[in-house]
Amino acid sequence: MNDAVMSVQAIRLAFVNRFGIEPNIFAVSPGRINLIGEHTDYNDGFVFPAAIDRGLTIAARITDGPTQTFSLQLGEGDEFNTTEVKPGFTTSWSKYSAGMNWALTQSTSKPLPNLIAVVDSNIPIGSGVSSSAALELAFGVVWNELADLGLTNQELAKLGQVCENKFVGVNSGIMDQMACALGKDAMAIFLDTRTLEIQYAPVPEGLSIVLCDTKKERALTSSAYNERRSQCEQACECMGVAKLRDASLQDLELARSKMSEVVYRRAKHVITENQRCLDFKDALASGNLKEIGELMKASHESLRWDYEVSCPELDAMAEAAWTSPGCVGARMTGAGFGGACVAMVQTSELDAFTSNLLAQYHATTGRIGEAMACNIVDGSRVLKA
């Protein structure tokens, strides 16, 4: 809470310096890290994210003119009028605020006020920890409050996905928005993306969550992402199921002759990853650290070889983590082709883990990575000034 209060005071000053007037609403929205369950959410599968204390703060107030947004990290956003925004209007970072405005308006049929807003973020951009979902949810909770829309955070998460799919043009699942919106202090989130049922799960005492940033910006383009989704849909057609959530490995083997080898491997990853999520939930509950590590490693290898969304830097970071002191488990996290790995580490070994990890990663790749121990925090919300 002290960090949030300090952040509010800092962003208040930035807002006053930018617009010459006081803001009258503040909100925070966390990034998220995914412990296991990658590329399963758009297949109606299981995921296991957590909201983390790498997030963003927004200061805003209603204005008579057009909406103006400014990021302390990314600069000026494109101006827009909340009653006129349509998909394709902008390719700048403000597509996330404009898109959330559009999704809210489409859903509620209520006009939204124009805003002036300043955003401050410490989420590593391009690292696969959902800076875009955090931005969508931050603006979502602000407009929800100012326009008295009465939407729950789960409803805002669904509209964040609409923004991502229909406005931004990335055919993503619901995990990122749900994790940012519904995070809970010290709890990971076991999420069934079909029913949106959540079970909160405490991380075993004595373990820390570490974000291991490769510093290679994530380069999974929307076309590559949408290609993976299309391949999953092809596999479903071959097996006669609605979603890969409904298929077993036996179903996949029986239909293997009907699909290409690539489509087979994509489906194999998703089906086995869903089972790993279920097994991870049990391992977390029982504190079985050995199984946690084995499941995380198997997840990474499946993403590397079957889903083909890893890269040399992610592989080097994961391999460095596996051999560093105190590591319980590690894997790539996020969409892939750059970004970060997530590691579960014995808190008592954090310093030794970090120094060994980064030295080994640098020796392998020539790159300087970063390791950030993360606290698990509450989800997107309006703050009291």
Protein backbone atom coordinates (compact mmCIF):
# COMPACT_ATOMS: atom_id res chain seq x y z
CA MET A 1 0.00 0.00 0.00
CA ASN A 2 2.84 2.44 0.77
CA ASP A 3 4.24 1.92 -2.72
CA ALA A 4 0.80 2.61 -4.20
CA VAL A 5 0.45 5.81 -2.16
CA MET A 6 3.90 6.97 -3.25
CA SER A 7 3.01 6.19 -6.84
CA VAL A 8 -0.21 8.18 -6.58
CA GLN A 9 1.64 11.24 -5.29
CA ALA A 10 4.24 10.98 -8.05
CA ILE A 11 1.68 10.60 -10.82
CA ARG A 12 -0.45 13.42 -9.38
CA LEU A 13 2.52 15.76 -9.82
CA ALA A 14 3.15 14.45 -13.33
CA PHE A 15 -0.51 15.05 -14.19
CA VAL A 16 -0.45 18.61 -12.82
CA ASN A 17 2.76 19.36 -14.72
CA ARG A 18 1.24 17.98 -17.92
CA PHE A 19 -2.25 19.46 -17.80
CA GLY A 20 -2.05 22.29 -15.25
CA ILE A 21 -4.96 20.93 -13.24
CA GLU A 22 -5.47 18.33 -10.49
CA PRO A 23 -6.60 14.78 -11.37
CA ASN A 24 -9.64 13.49 -9.50
CA ILE A 25 -9.36 9.75 -10.00
CA PHE A 26 -6.50 7.27 -9.68
CA ALA A 27 -6.35 3.58 -10.56
CA VAL A 28 -3.79 0.79 -10.55
CA SER A 29 -3.58 -2.33 -12.67
CA PRO A 30 -0.96 -5.07 -12.25
CA GLY A 31 0.92 -7.00 -14.87
CA ARG A 32 0.72 -10.75 -14.65
CA ILE A 33 3.03 -13.71 -14.71
CA ASN A 34 1.87 -17.18 -15.75
CA LEU A 35 3.25 -20.06 -13.71
CA ILE A 36 2.05 -22.73 -16.15
CA GLY A 37 -0.59 -23.15 -18.86
CA GLU A 38 0.63 -21.37 -21.99
CA HIS A 39 -1.42 -21.02 -25.20
CA THR A 40 -4.25 -22.98 -23.58
CA ASP A 41 -6.61 -20.08 -22.88
CA TYR A 42 -7.92 -19.66 -26.42
CA ASN A 43 -8.50 -23.42 -26.46
CA ASP A 44 -10.89 -23.23 -23.47
CA GLY A 45 -8.20 -24.78 -21.29
CA PHE A 46 -6.62 -24.19 -17.89
CA VAL A 47 -4.08 -21.53 -16.91
CA PHE A 48 -2.26 -20.60 -13.69
CA PRO A 49 -1.37 -16.89 -13.62
CA ALA A 50 -0.75 -14.43 -10.80
CA ALA A 51 -0.98 -10.64 -10.70
CA ILE A 52 2.40 -9.13 -9.83
CA ASP A 53 3.74 -5.89 -8.38
CA ARG A 54 5.02 -4.78 -11.76
CA GLY A 55 2.07 -2.65 -12.82
CA LEU A 56 0.83 0.74 -13.86
CA THR A 57 -0.88 3.69 -12.25
CA ILE A 58 -3.21 6.09 -13.99
CA ALA A 59 -4.31 9.60 -12.99
CA ALA A 60 -7.28 11.09 -14.84
CA ARG A 61 -10.16 13.51 -14.89
CA ILE A 62 -13.09 14.26 -17.17
CA THR A 63 -12.52 16.92 -19.83
CA ASP A 64 -14.73 18.86 -22.25
CA GLY A 65 -12.29 18.36 -25.12
CA PRO A 66 -11.07 15.16 -26.77
CA THR A 67 -9.48 12.39 -24.75
CA GLN A 68 -5.75 13.02 -24.32
CA THR A 69 -3.43 10.38 -22.88
CA PHE A 70 0.22 10.64 -21.96
CA SER A 71 2.54 7.84 -20.85
CA LEU A 72 5.65 8.69 -18.85
CA GLN A 73 7.34 5.80 -20.67
CA LEU A 74 5.85 5.91 -24.19
CA GLY A 75 4.96 9.57 -24.65
CA GLU A 76 1.91 11.13 -26.24
CA GLY A 77 -1.03 8.97 -27.30
CA ASP A 78 -3.33 9.86 -30.18
CA GLU A 79 -6.27 12.07 -29.26
CA PHE A 80 -9.76 10.65 -29.72
CA ASN A 81 -13.39 11.39 -28.98
CA THR A 82 -15.09 8.64 -27.00
CA THR A 83 -18.23 8.80 -29.15
CA GLU A 84 -16.37 8.45 -32.46
CA VAL A 85 -13.69 5.78 -31.93
CA LYS A 86 -13.71 2.82 -34.33
CA PRO A 87 -11.31 -0.11 -34.88
CA GLY A 88 -8.33 0.88 -37.02
CA PHE A 89 -8.27 4.46 -35.78
CA THR A 90 -4.74 4.24 -34.35
CA THR A 91 -1.71 1.98 -34.17
CA SER A 92 -0.07 3.86 -31.27
CA TRP A 93 -0.11 2.66 -27.65
CA SER A 94 -3.39 4.55 -27.18
CA LYS A 95 -5.16 1.79 -29.16
CA TYR A 96 -5.57 0.04 -25.80
CA SER A 97 -7.35 2.96 -24.12
CA ALA A 98 -9.34 3.77 -27.26
CA GLY A 99 -10.19 0.10 -27.73
CA MET A 100 -11.40 -0.25 -24.15
CA ASN A 101 -13.56 2.83 -24.64
CA TRP A 102 -15.01 1.26 -27.79
CA ALA A 103 -15.64 -2.11 -26.10
CA LEU A 104 -17.35 -0.47 -23.11
CA THR A 105 -19.55 1.66 -25.37
CA GLN A 106 -20.49 -1.31 -27.56
CA SER A 107 -21.41 -3.37 -24.50
CA THR A 108 -23.29 -0.82 -22.39
CA SER A 109 -24.61 1.58 -25.08
CA LYS A 110 -23.75 4.36 -22.62
CA PRO A 111 -21.71 7.39 -23.70
CA LEU A 112 -18.38 7.67 -21.90
CA PRO A 113 -16.81 10.96 -20.86
CA ASN A 114 -13.62 12.14 -22.51
CA LEU A 115 -10.57 12.05 -20.26
CA ILE A 116 -7.21 13.63 -19.78
CA ALA A 117 -4.92 10.97 -18.32
CA VAL A 118 -1.31 10.25 -17.40
CA VAL A 119 0.00 6.69 -17.15
CA ASP A 120 3.10 5.55 -15.25
CA SER A 121 4.27 1.94 -15.60
CA ASN A 122 7.07 -0.26 -14.36
CA ILE A 123 5.92 -3.31 -16.35
CA PRO A 124 8.74 -4.50 -18.63
CA ILE A 125 7.32 -3.93 -22.13
CA GLY A 126 7.67 -6.83 -24.54
CA SER A 127 8.51 -9.27 -21.75
CA GLY A 128 5.31 -11.26 -21.86
CA VAL A 129 3.83 -9.97 -18.60
CA SER A 130 0.75 -8.29 -20.08
CA SER A 131 1.42 -4.57 -20.21
CA SER A 132 -1.43 -4.32 -22.75
CA ALA A 133 -4.02 -6.06 -20.53
CA ALA A 134 -2.96 -3.91 -17.58
CA LEU A 135 -3.54 -0.79 -19.67
CA GLU A 136 -6.95 -1.99 -20.84
CA LEU A 137 -8.08 -2.78 -17.30
CA ALA A 138 -6.73 0.47 -15.86
CA PHE A 139 -8.81 2.53 -18.28
CA GLY A 140 -11.68 0.10 -17.81
CA VAL A 141 -11.90 0.65 -14.04
CA VAL A 142 -11.59 4.43 -14.50
CA TRP A 143 -14.45 4.67 -17.02
CA ASN A 144 -16.50 2.18 -15.01
CA GLU A 145 -16.22 4.49 -12.00
CA LEU A 146 -16.68 7.82 -13.78
CA ALA A 147 -19.62 6.70 -15.93
CA ASP A 148 -21.17 4.64 -13.10
CA LEU A 149 -21.39 1.59 -15.37
CA GLY A 150 -21.65 -0.86 -12.47
CA LEU A 151 -19.52 -3.54 -14.15
CA THR A 152 -17.66 -6.18 -12.17
CA ASN A 153 -13.96 -6.75 -12.71
CA GLN A 154 -14.78 -10.04 -14.42
CA GLU A 155 -17.05 -8.18 -16.86
CA LEU A 156 -14.29 -5.63 -17.45
CA ALA A 157 -11.85 -8.49 -18.14
CA LYS A 158 -14.20 -9.89 -20.79
CA LEU A 159 -14.41 -6.46 -22.42
CA GLY A 160 -10.62 -6.21 -22.31
CA GLN A 161 -10.52 -9.36 -24.42
CA VAL A 162 -13.06 -7.82 -26.82
CA CYS A 163 -10.75 -4.81 -27.09
CA GLU A 164 -7.78 -7.07 -27.83
CA ASN A 165 -9.61 -9.26 -30.36
CA LYS A 166 -11.86 -6.81 -32.19
CA PHE A 167 -10.05 -3.48 -31.86
CA VAL A 168 -6.34 -4.26 -31.52
CA GLY A 169 -6.64 -7.32 -33.80
CA VAL A 170 -4.87 -9.97 -31.72
CA ASN A 171 -6.95 -13.14 -31.39
CA SER A 172 -5.90 -13.73 -27.77
CA GLY A 173 -7.63 -15.60 -24.98
CA ILE A 174 -9.00 -14.28 -21.69
CA MET A 175 -6.15 -15.17 -19.32
CA ASP A 176 -4.26 -11.88 -19.27
CA GLN A 177 -7.28 -9.71 -18.58
CA MET A 178 -8.67 -12.08 -15.94
CA ALA A 179 -5.33 -12.22 -14.13
CA CYS A 180 -4.91 -8.44 -14.14
CA ALA A 181 -8.52 -7.85 -13.07
CA LEU A 182 -8.95 -10.57 -10.44
CA GLY A 183 -5.53 -10.93 -8.85
CA LYS A 184 -5.47 -11.58 -5.11
CA ASP A 185 -2.68 -10.78 -2.67
CA ALA A 186 -0.27 -13.72 -2.21
CA MET A 187 -2.45 -16.05 -4.34
CA ALA A 188 -1.90 -17.64 -7.73
CA ILE A 189 -5.03 -18.13 -9.85
CA PHE A 190 -6.15 -21.48 -11.23
CA LEU A 191 -8.49 -20.37 -14.00
CA ASP A 192 -10.80 -22.50 -16.11
CA THR A 193 -11.03 -20.32 -19.22
CA ARG A 194 -14.22 -22.06 -20.39
CA THR A 195 -16.31 -21.44 -17.29
CA LEU A 196 -14.20 -18.55 -15.93
CA GLU A 197 -14.28 -20.33 -12.58
CA ILE A 198 -11.36 -19.31 -10.36
CA GLN A 199 -9.67 -21.18 -7.54
CA TYR A 200 -7.09 -19.18 -5.62
CA ALA A 201 -4.00 -21.11 -4.61
CA PRO A 202 -1.33 -19.95 -2.14
CA VAL A 203 2.28 -20.33 -3.23
CA PRO A 204 4.12 -22.60 -0.76
CA GLU A 205 5.85 -20.71 2.04
CA GLY A 206 9.53 -20.07 1.47
CA LEU A 207 9.23 -19.76 -2.32
CA SER A 208 9.64 -16.61 -4.39
CA ILE A 209 8.41 -15.93 -7.91
CA VAL A 210 11.18 -14.53 -10.11
CA LEU A 211 10.70 -12.90 -13.50
CA CYS A 212 13.80 -13.68 -15.57
CA ASP A 213 13.81 -11.15 -18.40
CA THR A 214 15.87 -12.11 -21.46
CA LYS A 215 15.84 -8.47 -22.63
CA LYS A 216 14.93 -9.77 -26.07
CA GLU A 217 11.70 -8.00 -26.90
CA ARG A 218 8.86 -10.38 -27.53
CA ALA A 219 8.45 -10.78 -31.27
CA LEU A 220 5.41 -13.05 -31.59
CA THR A 221 3.51 -11.05 -34.18
CA SER A 222 -0.26 -11.08 -34.41
CA SER A 223 0.04 -13.12 -37.62
CA ALA A 224 2.12 -15.84 -35.88
CA TYR A 225 -0.24 -15.84 -32.91
CA ASN A 226 -3.29 -16.12 -35.14
CA GLU A 227 -1.57 -18.88 -37.13
CA ARG A 228 -1.17 -20.95 -33.94
CA ARG A 229 -4.82 -20.44 -33.14
CA SER A 230 -5.83 -21.50 -36.65
CA GLN A 231 -3.71 -24.66 -36.35
CA CYS A 232 -5.49 -25.53 -33.11
CA GLU A 233 -8.82 -25.08 -34.85
CA GLN A 234 -7.68 -27.38 -37.68
CA ALA A 235 -6.82 -30.05 -35.12
CA CYS A 236 -10.28 -29.70 -33.58
CA GLU A 237 -11.90 -30.23 -36.98
CA CYS A 238 -9.87 -33.38 -37.55
CA MET A 239 -10.92 -34.77 -34.16
CA GLY A 240 -14.52 -33.58 -34.30
CA VAL A 241 -14.33 -31.55 -31.08
CA ALA A 242 -15.31 -27.96 -30.38
CA LYS A 243 -12.07 -27.02 -28.61
CA LEU A 244 -8.82 -28.78 -27.73
CA ARG A 245 -10.04 -28.71 -24.13
CA ASP A 246 -12.41 -31.51 -25.20
CA ALA A 247 -9.72 -33.76 -26.71
CA SER A 248 -7.55 -36.45 -25.14
CA LEU A 249 -4.19 -37.74 -26.31
CA GLN A 250 -6.01 -40.86 -27.46
CA ASP A 251 -8.32 -38.73 -29.62
CA LEU A 252 -5.27 -37.01 -31.07
CA GLU A 253 -3.51 -40.26 -31.94
CA LEU A 254 -6.64 -41.68 -33.58
CA ALA A 255 -6.93 -38.59 -35.81
CA ARG A 256 -3.20 -38.14 -36.47
CA SER A 257 -3.39 -39.37 -40.07
CA LYS A 258 -5.93 -36.63 -40.87
CA MET A 259 -3.65 -33.73 -39.91
CA SER A 260 -0.22 -32.40 -40.77
CA GLU A 261 2.68 -33.08 -38.44
CA VAL A 262 2.75 -29.41 -37.43
CA VAL A 263 -0.96 -29.35 -36.55
CA TYR A 264 -0.50 -32.60 -34.59
CA ARG A 265 2.32 -31.11 -32.52
CA ARG A 266 0.38 -27.91 -31.82
CA ALA A 267 -2.55 -29.94 -30.49
CA LYS A 268 -0.25 -32.22 -28.52
CA HIS A 269 1.17 -29.23 -26.66
CA VAL A 270 -2.24 -27.87 -25.70
CA ILE A 271 -3.66 -31.23 -24.58
CA THR A 272 -0.61 -32.09 -22.46
CA GLU A 273 -0.36 -28.54 -21.10
CA ASN A 274 -3.92 -28.70 -19.83
CA GLN A 275 -3.05 -31.86 -17.91
CA ARG A 276 0.10 -30.21 -16.56
CA CYS A 277 -2.04 -27.38 -15.19
CA LEU A 278 -4.27 -29.82 -13.32
CA ASP A 279 -1.26 -31.69 -11.99
CA PHE A 280 0.41 -28.39 -11.01
CA LYS A 281 -2.64 -27.42 -8.93
CA ASP A 282 -2.32 -30.66 -6.98
CA ALA A 283 1.46 -30.31 -6.62
CA LEU A 284 1.09 -26.74 -5.35
CA ALA A 285 -1.55 -27.79 -2.81
CA SER A 286 0.59 -30.64 -1.49
CA GLY A 287 3.86 -28.68 -1.63
CA ASN A 288 5.46 -31.27 -3.92
CA LEU A 289 8.39 -29.16 -5.10
CA LYS A 290 9.92 -31.94 -7.18
CA GLU A 291 6.75 -32.33 -9.24
CA ILE A 292 6.36 -28.56 -9.58
CA GLY A 293 9.83 -28.41 -11.12
CA GLU A 294 9.24 -31.35 -13.45
CA LEU A 295 5.94 -29.90 -14.69
CA MET A 296 7.44 -26.46 -15.37
CA LYS A 297 10.36 -27.97 -17.28
CA ALA A 298 8.03 -30.20 -19.33
CA SER A 299 5.92 -27.15 -20.14
CA HIS A 300 8.95 -25.27 -21.46
CA GLU A 301 10.12 -28.21 -23.58
CA SER A 302 6.63 -28.61 -25.05
CA LEU A 303 6.48 -24.91 -25.92
CA ARG A 304 9.97 -25.21 -27.42
CA TRP A 305 9.48 -28.30 -29.58
CA ASP A 306 5.75 -28.84 -30.13
CA TYR A 307 4.33 -25.32 -30.12
CA GLU A 308 7.56 -23.70 -31.38
CA VAL A 309 7.16 -20.36 -29.64
CA SER A 310 10.44 -20.31 -27.73
CA CYS A 311 13.72 -18.81 -28.96
CA PRO A 312 17.45 -19.27 -28.16
CA GLU A 313 17.35 -16.56 -25.49
CA LEU A 314 14.35 -18.08 -23.66
CA ASP A 315 15.93 -21.53 -23.85
CA ALA A 316 19.22 -20.18 -22.48
CA MET A 317 17.44 -18.41 -19.62
CA ALA A 318 15.40 -21.49 -18.71
CA GLU A 319 18.46 -23.74 -18.83
CA ALA A 320 20.43 -21.29 -16.69
CA ALA A 321 17.59 -21.25 -14.15
CA TRP A 322 17.38 -25.06 -13.98
CA THR A 323 21.03 -25.27 -12.89
CA SER A 324 21.05 -22.28 -10.50
CA PRO A 325 20.95 -22.61 -6.69
CA GLY A 326 17.51 -22.77 -5.11
CA CYS A 327 15.56 -23.21 -8.34
CA VAL A 328 12.43 -25.31 -7.87
CA GLY A 329 11.24 -24.88 -11.45
CA ALA A 330 11.41 -22.54 -14.45
CA ARG A 331 9.86 -22.10 -17.88
CA MET A 332 9.19 -19.46 -20.50
CA THR A 333 6.13 -17.36 -19.73
CA GLY A 334 3.96 -15.38 -22.09
CA ALA A 335 3.29 -15.73 -25.78
CA GLY A 336 6.90 -16.41 -26.77
CA PHE A 337 9.72 -15.52 -29.20
CA GLY A 338 11.36 -13.34 -26.58
CA GLY A 339 10.23 -11.88 -23.30
CA ALA A 340 10.82 -13.65 -20.03
CA CYS A 341 10.95 -16.89 -18.10
CA VAL A 342 9.32 -17.43 -14.73
CA ALA A 343 11.12 -19.28 -11.95
CA MET A 344 10.00 -20.53 -8.57
CA VAL A 345 12.95 -20.19 -6.23
CA GLN A 346 13.74 -20.93 -2.59
CA THR A 347 13.64 -17.47 -1.02
CA SER A 348 16.75 -18.23 1.05
CA GLU A 349 18.72 -18.78 -2.19
CA LEU A 350 17.49 -15.72 -4.13
CA ASP A 351 20.84 -13.92 -4.25
CA ALA A 352 22.79 -17.00 -5.29
CA PHE A 353 20.13 -17.92 -7.83
CA THR A 354 20.14 -14.47 -9.39
CA SER A 355 23.91 -14.09 -9.69
CA ASN A 356 24.38 -17.57 -11.17
CA LEU A 357 21.41 -17.20 -13.52
CA LEU A 358 22.52 -13.89 -15.02
CA ALA A 359 26.18 -14.90 -15.31
CA GLN A 360 25.29 -18.12 -17.10
CA TYR A 361 22.77 -16.39 -19.37
CA HIS A 362 25.33 -13.75 -20.34
CA ALA A 363 27.99 -16.40 -21.00
CA THR A 364 25.62 -18.28 -23.30
CA THR A 365 24.01 -15.39 -25.19
CA GLY A 366 26.22 -12.32 -24.70
CA ARG A 367 23.12 -10.52 -23.42
CA ILE A 368 22.58 -8.83 -20.06
CA GLY A 369 19.35 -10.15 -18.59
CA GLU A 370 17.46 -9.06 -15.50
CA ALA A 371 15.94 -11.04 -12.63
CA MET A 372 13.10 -9.50 -10.62
CA ALA A 373 11.60 -11.12 -7.54
CA CYS A 374 7.88 -10.37 -7.70
CA ASN A 375 5.20 -10.10 -5.05
CA ILE A 376 1.72 -11.38 -5.90
CA VAL A 377 -0.83 -8.57 -5.52
CA ASP A 378 -4.48 -7.58 -5.83
CA GLY A 379 -6.04 -6.87 -9.23
CA SER A 380 -7.09 -3.69 -11.05
CA ARG A 381 -8.86 -1.13 -8.90
CA VAL A 382 -9.56 2.53 -8.25
CA LEU A 383 -7.32 4.03 -5.55
CA LYS A 384 -8.21 6.55 -2.91
CA ALA A 385 -6.03 9.62 -3.27
